[in-house]
Amino acid sequence: MRHMKKIVSTSVIIAVVLLSGVFISSLSTKNISGVVRDCESGLPVADAEVTARARGWGVRNGSIVWDKDFVVSALTDDGGAFSLKVSHAPDIWEARKENYLTALQNGIPSNPLELRILHGTDPLEYTYNCKKSSGCLQCETRDNVQTCRNICE
């Protein structure tokens, strides 16, 4: 019985420490600012939606999880500028606007961040560094197994 109480107390302490860490990390935020520019002209793009995505430790439905999604968005101003307050370092950035292809950028960017978007209307096409995703996949087949990689990232 004494051994069982020790296990329960240790489990409670571990849970409190983990929850405290998750809570404290959610309090620390960072401002990331940047600008969205047209790929072809280099001019700023107003009213574009910028979204930052991160995944990490968090709480979902009252339980601690390692794969909580953290998503924040903002619209660019007349000069194409935006500012986002993030609690977790984003690893995927998106810029969207009507009559443009969705631009994706992976990784933790420099601050200020520059996202570039390309004119287009195909809802299934997106871009990496102003290159269409359809031209970014390089595939090869070896031993009847096809593997593809993104050469634009």
Protein backbone atom coordinates (compact mmCIF):
# COMPACT_ATOMS: atom_id res chain seq x y z
CA MET A 1 0.00 0.00 0.00
CA ARG A 2 2.84 2.38 0.86
CA HIS A 3 4.47 1.68 -2.52
CA MET A 4 1.19 2.51 -4.31
CA LYS A 5 0.93 5.89 -2.50
CA LYS A 6 4.49 6.72 -3.57
CA ILE A 7 3.67 5.92 -7.22
CA VAL A 8 0.50 8.05 -7.09
CA SER A 9 2.36 11.00 -5.47
CA THR A 10 5.14 10.79 -8.06
CA SER A 11 2.57 10.70 -10.87
CA VAL A 12 0.79 13.75 -9.47
CA ILE A 13 4.08 15.67 -9.19
CA ILE A 14 5.01 14.80 -12.78
CA ALA A 15 1.57 15.88 -14.04
CA VAL A 16 1.81 19.21 -12.17
CA VAL A 17 5.30 19.87 -13.58
CA LEU A 18 4.18 19.08 -17.15
CA LEU A 19 1.05 21.22 -16.88
CA SER A 20 3.08 24.09 -15.39
CA GLY A 21 5.54 23.89 -18.29
CA VAL A 22 2.75 23.93 -20.85
CA PHE A 23 1.08 26.87 -19.10
CA ILE A 24 4.28 28.89 -18.77
CA SER A 25 5.26 28.28 -22.41
CA SER A 26 1.83 29.52 -23.51
CA LEU A 27 2.44 32.81 -21.69
CA SER A 28 5.63 33.62 -23.59
CA THR A 29 4.84 35.26 -26.91
CA LYS A 30 6.89 36.79 -29.67
CA ASN A 31 5.94 39.33 -32.32
CA ILE A 32 6.91 38.43 -35.86
CA SER A 33 6.42 41.07 -38.51
CA GLY A 34 6.91 41.08 -42.22
CA VAL A 35 5.61 42.00 -45.62
CA VAL A 36 3.87 40.18 -48.48
CA ARG A 37 5.13 41.03 -51.97
CA ASP A 38 4.07 40.13 -55.50
CA CYS A 39 6.54 37.64 -57.02
CA GLU A 40 6.67 39.38 -60.38
CA SER A 41 6.62 43.10 -59.55
CA GLY A 42 8.04 43.03 -56.01
CA LEU A 43 5.30 45.44 -54.94
CA PRO A 44 3.59 45.02 -51.55
CA VAL A 45 0.26 43.16 -51.54
CA ALA A 46 -2.52 44.66 -49.39
CA ASP A 47 -5.27 42.59 -47.74
CA ALA A 48 -3.43 39.27 -48.03
CA GLU A 49 -4.08 36.75 -45.26
CA VAL A 50 -0.89 35.56 -43.54
CA THR A 51 -1.13 32.40 -41.42
CA ALA A 52 1.54 30.95 -39.14
CA ARG A 53 1.27 27.30 -38.07
CA ALA A 54 3.13 25.50 -35.33
CA ARG A 55 2.71 22.17 -33.57
CA GLY A 56 3.88 21.40 -30.07
CA TRP A 57 3.04 20.50 -26.50
CA GLY A 58 -0.30 21.80 -25.29
CA VAL A 59 -3.62 20.93 -23.71
CA ARG A 60 -6.55 19.55 -25.73
CA ASN A 61 -9.83 18.46 -24.11
CA GLY A 62 -8.20 18.64 -20.68
CA SER A 63 -5.30 16.35 -21.60
CA ILE A 64 -1.65 17.13 -22.28
CA VAL A 65 -0.80 16.38 -25.92
CA TRP A 66 2.40 16.67 -27.96
CA ASP A 67 0.67 17.53 -31.25
CA LYS A 68 -1.46 20.58 -30.49
CA ASP A 69 -1.85 22.91 -33.45
CA PHE A 70 -1.18 26.61 -32.89
CA VAL A 71 -2.52 28.78 -35.73
CA VAL A 72 -2.56 32.58 -35.90
CA SER A 73 -3.52 34.80 -38.83
CA ALA A 74 -3.48 38.47 -39.80
CA LEU A 75 -4.29 40.62 -42.82
CA THR A 76 -1.67 42.80 -44.45
CA ASP A 77 -2.14 46.57 -44.44
CA ASP A 78 -1.99 48.88 -47.49
CA GLY A 79 1.83 48.56 -47.53
CA GLY A 80 1.69 44.73 -47.45
CA ALA A 81 2.91 44.69 -43.81
CA PHE A 82 1.67 42.32 -41.11
CA SER A 83 2.44 41.50 -37.51
CA LEU A 84 1.62 38.29 -35.65
CA LYS A 85 1.93 37.42 -31.97
CA VAL A 86 2.98 33.76 -31.70
CA SER A 87 3.43 31.55 -28.65
CA HIS A 88 5.24 28.75 -30.52
CA ALA A 89 7.83 29.08 -33.28
CA PRO A 90 5.89 28.65 -36.54
CA ASP A 91 7.28 26.10 -38.98
CA ILE A 92 4.78 26.70 -41.79
CA TRP A 93 3.85 30.11 -43.19
CA GLU A 94 1.08 30.78 -45.72
CA ALA A 95 0.06 33.87 -47.67
CA ARG A 96 -3.32 33.90 -49.46
CA LYS A 97 -5.19 36.41 -51.55
CA GLU A 98 -7.82 36.27 -54.26
CA ASN A 99 -6.29 35.91 -57.76
CA TYR A 100 -3.01 34.67 -56.27
CA LEU A 101 -1.74 31.14 -55.61
CA THR A 102 -1.25 30.23 -51.95
CA ALA A 103 2.39 30.76 -51.00
CA LEU A 104 4.00 28.35 -48.53
CA GLN A 105 7.26 28.84 -46.71
CA ASN A 106 8.67 26.30 -44.30
CA GLY A 107 11.01 26.83 -41.41
CA ILE A 108 11.58 29.48 -38.81
CA PRO A 109 12.00 32.76 -40.69
CA SER A 110 14.10 35.77 -40.01
CA ASN A 111 12.31 38.71 -38.49
CA PRO A 112 11.10 40.66 -40.47
CA LEU A 113 9.76 37.98 -42.77
CA GLU A 114 9.12 38.42 -46.50
CA LEU A 115 6.51 36.23 -48.18
CA ARG A 116 6.14 36.38 -51.96
CA ILE A 117 2.97 35.36 -53.81
CA LEU A 118 2.41 34.61 -57.48
CA HIS A 119 -0.64 35.52 -59.59
CA GLY A 120 -2.91 32.58 -60.39
CA THR A 121 -6.32 31.10 -59.74
CA ASP A 122 -5.80 27.31 -59.46
CA PRO A 123 -7.06 26.41 -55.94
CA LEU A 124 -4.97 23.21 -55.92
CA GLU A 125 -1.70 24.88 -56.87
CA TYR A 126 0.56 26.61 -54.37
CA THR A 127 4.04 28.09 -54.52
CA TYR A 128 7.41 27.78 -52.81
CA ASN A 129 9.73 30.74 -53.32
CA CYS A 130 7.62 31.94 -56.29
CA LYS A 131 7.81 28.53 -58.02
CA LYS A 132 4.66 26.51 -58.65
CA SER A 133 4.45 23.36 -56.56
CA SER A 134 3.67 21.30 -59.66
CA GLY A 135 7.24 22.02 -60.84
CA CYS A 136 8.82 21.43 -57.46
CA LEU A 137 8.46 17.67 -57.14
CA GLN A 138 11.36 15.59 -58.38
CA CYS A 139 10.47 11.90 -58.44
CA GLU A 140 12.46 8.78 -59.14
CA THR A 141 11.64 5.09 -59.13
CA ARG A 142 14.02 2.47 -57.79
CA ASP A 143 13.12 -1.17 -57.32
CA ASN A 144 9.47 -0.39 -58.15
CA VAL A 145 9.28 2.25 -55.38
CA GLN A 146 8.65 5.86 -56.31
CA THR A 147 10.03 8.57 -54.03
CA CYS A 148 9.51 12.29 -54.52
CA ARG A 149 11.11 15.32 -52.91
CA ASN A 150 10.41 19.01 -53.01
CA ILE A 151 13.33 20.73 -54.74
CA CYS A 152 11.94 24.24 -54.22
CA GLU A 153 12.21 24.42 -50.42
